[in-house]
Every structure is written in C-alpha cells, then in structure tokens.
Protein backbone atom coordinates (compact mmCIF):
# COMPACT_ATOMS: atom_id res chain seq x y z
CA UNK A 1 -78.10 31.06 5.70
CA UNK A 2 -74.27 31.74 4.99
CA UNK A 3 -75.33 34.80 2.87
CA UNK A 4 -77.26 36.24 5.79
CA UNK A 5 -74.38 35.63 8.11
CA UNK A 6 -72.03 37.68 5.91
CA UNK A 7 -74.31 40.47 4.98
CA UNK A 8 -76.70 40.80 7.94
CA UNK A 9 -74.40 39.74 10.70
CA UNK A 10 -76.66 37.80 13.16
CA UNK A 11 -75.09 35.71 15.94
CA UNK A 12 -75.07 31.93 15.48
CA UNK A 13 -77.52 31.41 18.45
CA UNK A 14 -79.92 33.80 16.99
CA UNK A 15 -79.98 32.05 13.64
CA UNK A 16 -80.57 28.84 15.22
CA UNK A 17 -83.63 30.03 17.17
CA UNK A 18 -85.20 32.09 14.30
CA UNK A 19 -88.63 30.80 13.45
CA UNK A 20 -90.79 31.54 10.36
CA UNK A 21 -93.37 33.60 12.21
CA UNK A 22 -90.67 36.08 12.96
CA UNK A 23 -89.74 36.42 9.22
CA UNK A 24 -91.63 38.70 6.71
CA UNK A 25 -90.32 38.13 3.17
CA UNK A 26 -92.96 40.59 1.80
CA UNK A 27 -91.83 43.23 4.30
CA UNK A 28 -88.15 42.26 3.89
CA UNK A 29 -87.29 41.94 7.58
CA UNK A 30 -86.84 39.34 10.38
CA UNK A 31 -87.26 39.64 14.07
CA UNK A 32 -84.56 38.52 16.58
CA UNK A 33 -86.22 37.91 19.91
CA UNK A 34 -84.53 34.51 20.97
CA UNK A 35 -81.32 32.52 20.78
CA UNK A 36 -79.91 29.05 21.32
CA UNK A 37 -77.13 28.63 23.83
CA UNK A 38 -74.93 25.51 23.57
CA UNK A 39 -73.32 24.13 26.67
CA UNK A 40 -71.62 20.75 26.48
CA UNK A 41 -73.46 20.18 23.22
CA UNK A 42 -76.82 20.56 24.98
CA UNK A 43 -79.00 23.38 23.69
CA UNK A 44 -80.86 25.95 25.84
CA UNK A 45 -83.48 28.44 24.66
CA UNK A 46 -82.88 31.85 26.02
CA UNK A 47 -83.98 35.37 25.43
CA UNK A 48 -81.26 37.56 24.20
CA UNK A 49 -80.03 40.60 26.04
CA UNK A 50 -82.50 43.52 25.86
CA UNK A 51 -80.32 45.36 23.42
CA UNK A 52 -80.19 42.34 21.15
CA UNK A 53 -83.90 42.09 20.60
CA UNK A 54 -84.26 43.82 17.32
CA UNK A 55 -85.78 43.83 13.72
CA UNK A 56 -83.29 43.43 10.93
CA UNK A 57 -84.00 44.50 7.37
CA UNK A 58 -83.36 41.99 4.62
CA UNK A 59 -81.61 43.13 1.58
CA UNK A 60 -83.13 42.12 -1.76
CA UNK A 61 -80.47 39.35 -2.45
CA UNK A 62 -80.93 37.75 0.99
CA UNK A 63 -84.76 38.03 0.65
CA UNK A 64 -84.75 36.13 -2.57
CA UNK A 65 -82.39 33.38 -1.15
CA UNK A 66 -84.65 32.97 1.71
CA UNK A 67 -87.80 32.70 -0.30
CA UNK A 68 -86.05 29.96 -2.43
CA UNK A 69 -85.01 28.22 0.82
CA UNK A 70 -88.76 28.28 2.10
CA UNK A 71 -89.75 26.59 -1.18
CA UNK A 72 -87.14 24.02 -0.75
CA UNK A 73 -87.97 23.42 2.93
CA UNK A 74 -91.66 23.06 1.97
CA UNK A 75 -90.81 20.39 -0.55
CA UNK A 76 -88.78 18.54 2.01
CA UNK A 77 -91.60 18.86 4.42
CA UNK A 78 -93.87 17.24 1.94
CA UNK A 79 -91.48 14.40 1.17
CA UNK A 80 -90.73 13.52 4.74
CA UNK A 81 -94.21 13.81 5.96
CA UNK A 82 -95.07 10.85 3.89
CA UNK A 83 -92.63 8.76 6.02
CA UNK A 84 -93.99 10.30 9.19
CA UNK A 85 -90.51 11.52 10.15
CA UNK A 86 -90.75 15.29 9.63
CA UNK A 87 -89.76 17.12 12.82
CA UNK A 88 -92.19 20.06 13.30
CA UNK A 89 -90.07 22.88 14.71
CA UNK A 90 -91.25 25.94 12.56
CA UNK A 91 -87.58 26.90 12.50
CA UNK A 92 -86.19 28.69 9.57
CA UNK A 93 -82.90 26.72 9.44
CA UNK A 94 -83.26 22.89 9.54
CA UNK A 95 -82.06 19.58 8.15
CA UNK A 96 -83.99 17.97 5.33
CA UNK A 97 -86.25 16.17 8.00
CA UNK A 98 -87.15 19.45 9.75
CA UNK A 99 -84.87 18.99 12.64
CA UNK A 100 -83.50 22.25 13.78
CA UNK A 101 -79.75 23.05 13.11
CA UNK A 102 -77.51 22.55 16.07
CA UNK A 103 -75.12 25.57 16.77
CA UNK A 104 -72.14 23.35 16.78
CA UNK A 105 -73.09 21.73 13.51
CA UNK A 106 -73.22 25.17 11.87
CA UNK A 107 -69.79 26.12 12.95
CA UNK A 108 -68.36 22.81 11.94
CA UNK A 109 -70.10 22.98 8.56
CA UNK A 110 -68.83 26.51 8.04
CA UNK A 111 -65.28 25.50 8.82
CA UNK A 112 -65.28 22.64 6.28
CA UNK A 113 -66.80 24.93 3.60
CA UNK A 114 -64.04 27.44 4.38
CA UNK A 115 -61.47 24.67 4.08
CA UNK A 116 -62.85 23.40 0.78
CA UNK A 117 -62.97 26.93 -0.72
CA UNK A 118 -59.20 27.38 -0.32
CA UNK A 119 -59.62 30.79 1.33
CA UNK A 120 -57.78 31.82 4.41
CA UNK A 121 -59.36 30.32 7.66
CA UNK A 122 -61.84 32.39 9.45
CA UNK A 123 -64.35 31.72 12.30
CA UNK A 124 -68.09 31.73 11.85
CA UNK A 125 -68.16 34.70 14.21
CA UNK A 126 -65.87 36.66 11.80
CA UNK A 127 -68.57 36.92 9.32
CA UNK A 128 -70.39 39.21 11.91
CA UNK A 129 -67.33 41.47 11.76
CA UNK A 130 -67.21 41.14 7.97
CA UNK A 131 -70.88 42.26 7.78
CA UNK A 132 -70.26 45.35 9.82
CA UNK A 133 -67.09 46.19 7.98
CA UNK A 134 -68.88 45.90 4.53
CA UNK A 135 -71.60 48.26 5.89
CA UNK A 136 -69.16 50.84 6.99
CA UNK A 137 -67.28 50.71 3.77
CA UNK A 138 -70.68 51.24 2.05
CA UNK A 139 -70.93 54.50 4.09
CA UNK A 140 -73.69 53.26 6.41
CA UNK A 141 -74.25 55.34 9.48
CA UNK A 142 -72.55 53.60 12.43
CA UNK A 143 -75.73 54.00 14.54
CA UNK A 144 -77.58 51.87 12.00
CA UNK A 145 -74.82 49.24 12.14
CA UNK A 146 -75.01 49.21 15.95
CA UNK A 147 -78.75 48.59 16.01
CA UNK A 148 -78.55 45.82 13.28
CA UNK A 149 -75.81 44.06 15.26
CA UNK A 150 -77.59 44.40 18.57
CA UNK A 151 -74.86 46.18 20.30
CA UNK A 152 -75.59 47.99 23.58
CA UNK A 153 -73.97 51.22 22.61
CA UNK A 154 -72.63 53.03 19.61
CA UNK A 155 -69.19 53.20 21.29
CA UNK A 156 -68.84 49.43 21.14
CA UNK A 157 -69.51 49.49 17.42
CA UNK A 158 -67.11 52.31 16.91
CA UNK A 159 -64.28 50.83 19.07
CA UNK A 160 -64.59 47.43 17.39
CA UNK A 161 -64.76 48.20 13.75
CA UNK A 162 -63.48 51.63 12.83
CA UNK A 163 -60.04 50.86 14.40
CA UNK A 164 -59.60 48.16 11.59
CA UNK A 165 -60.65 50.41 8.82
CA UNK A 166 -58.12 53.26 8.35
CA UNK A 167 -59.54 53.97 4.91
CA UNK A 168 -62.72 55.13 6.72
CA UNK A 169 -60.68 57.81 8.38
CA UNK A 170 -59.19 58.80 4.98
CA UNK A 171 -62.67 58.95 3.45
CA UNK A 172 -63.90 61.12 6.25
CA UNK A 173 -60.87 63.46 5.73
CA UNK A 174 -61.49 63.89 2.02
CA UNK A 175 -65.18 64.23 2.31
CA UNK A 176 -64.77 66.94 4.89
CA UNK A 177 -62.48 69.06 2.82
CA UNK A 178 -64.57 68.49 -0.29
CA UNK A 179 -67.43 70.41 1.43
CA UNK A 180 -65.87 73.82 0.79
CA UNK A 181 -65.69 74.58 -2.92
CA UNK A 182 -62.43 75.65 -4.53
CA UNK A 183 -61.67 77.24 -7.97
CA UNK A 184 -60.30 74.88 -10.61
CA UNK A 185 -56.60 74.87 -11.07
CA UNK A 186 -54.99 75.45 -14.48
CA UNK A 187 -53.25 72.52 -16.03
CA UNK A 188 -49.33 72.78 -16.16
CA UNK A 189 -48.37 74.58 -19.38
CA UNK A 190 -51.75 75.85 -20.00
CA UNK A 191 -51.97 78.38 -17.29
CA UNK A 192 -52.23 82.04 -17.46
CA UNK A 193 -48.94 84.04 -18.03
CA UNK A 194 -46.83 84.78 -14.91
CA UNK A 195 -46.58 88.12 -13.41
CA UNK A 196 -43.00 88.43 -14.69
CA UNK A 197 -44.26 87.60 -18.26
CA UNK A 198 -46.87 90.19 -17.71
CA UNK A 199 -44.54 92.64 -16.81
CA UNK A 200 -42.28 92.00 -19.69
CA UNK A 201 -45.00 92.55 -22.17
CA UNK A 202 -46.23 95.67 -20.61
CA UNK A 203 -44.99 99.07 -21.77
CA UNK A 204 -42.02 100.35 -19.86
CA UNK A 205 -42.37 103.25 -17.49
CA UNK A 206 -40.05 105.48 -15.52
CA UNK A 207 -38.22 108.68 -15.57
CA UNK A 208 -35.97 107.66 -18.50
CA UNK A 209 -38.79 106.54 -20.81
CA UNK A 210 -40.58 109.04 -22.97
CA UNK A 211 -44.28 108.98 -22.51
CA UNK A 212 -46.54 110.99 -24.60
CA UNK A 213 -49.50 110.08 -22.51
CA UNK A 214 -50.95 112.13 -19.72
CA UNK A 215 -49.10 112.21 -16.39
CA UNK A 216 -51.31 110.48 -13.85
CA UNK A 217 -49.09 111.38 -10.97
CA UNK A 218 -47.49 107.94 -10.66
CA UNK A 219 -43.78 108.11 -9.70
CA UNK A 220 -41.31 105.35 -9.22
CA UNK A 221 -40.50 104.41 -5.67
CA UNK A 222 -37.44 106.08 -4.21
C-alpha cells in the first residue's frame, strides 16, 4: 500500500474505498470510482469528483507487491473464517480480520513509520506530491501525470509541481538546444593552426618580393 502511495499517487480516501473487483493484476491497472471521507472519525462512502474517476496503470513492482498482498489476505481470510470472525468487505486494504482500514489509522500508521525510519517528517499526502515529482523527473508527459492524479486540469498539475522542479526547466532548455546539430569542437591544443600561423607559413607576397610565378593580377591594397 505504501509503495502505491509513493509511486502511483492515489488519495487516502481512494485507497480506503478500493475493492478487488476494481483491480486487474493481469491487466496491471486499478479503477478509482469511490472514496471514503472521514468526519469526526466517522466514515462516509462518496463518489469522487467527476475528474477523479479514472483508471490508473500499475507499474510492474507495484503489481508484484499487490499480488503478494492478495495471497497474504487470502491466507488471513482462511485463518479467520475458522473463527467466524472474518469481515467480508471485499476491500483491497484491510486488517488481518478483513476489516477495512480507517483513513485516520492509515495516516497515524504512516506517521509512525516515518518516525521509526529516522527520515525527515512528511505527511501522507506528501507522497502524492512525491509521486508526481518522480514522474516528471522521469520525463513523463504532464498530461499523463494530470490524468493519473485525477486533477481537473493540466494547469493545476503544472502550477503545483513544475514550480518546485527547477531542474525540469534546465532539462527543457538543454533538450531544446540539443535539437539543432552542431559541428564538434576541436580540443584545446589539438585544433587547426590559427590564421596567423597559416599566414606565417605561407609564401610572402608583395611588390618587394621576387616572384617567378605568373602574375594573376593580385595587388596589395593601397
């Protein structure tokens, strides 16, 4: 689940509402069509905004991790069913007894894991920003990032993320100038002789120099 937060960038409520029928591990995608909203610790099922209903592609690593999790969840289902305590929710992310994860529990657990890791503190929602940042650094088209995150417009994605990535602007400038081919420069000390050196090596010419060759009509400038 944490891997998906970081690399796919879903919202917390979207992950809480995700059910297995909306996941295709063979097709490597999951469908976001619902979300869980928390108000005073109470949960409410809601449909996301129209722009947030979307299909998100699973990368190979996340797909593998989700497949392993499904096997683990099935094993827990079998174990808890014997005690008649399994909560049948069909949700992807659950406790060991099948009870769906509460949004507040996810945030609290994430904060604890960050604390134990010794890394600088970040919010769970910051993983969504991290996901977009990694995608842009990987040269993903900003329109693709917008659709994956469920933003209503490309402008929102651009204003939110490119402003914190000055290296993107540098990469754009360098890639633009690289489009026009240029001749290779000679290394210092290995270049061709300068014009002065050429002139020094060339035969002298002028009115005071005897020249047995034919007169081509070239005269020194006045």
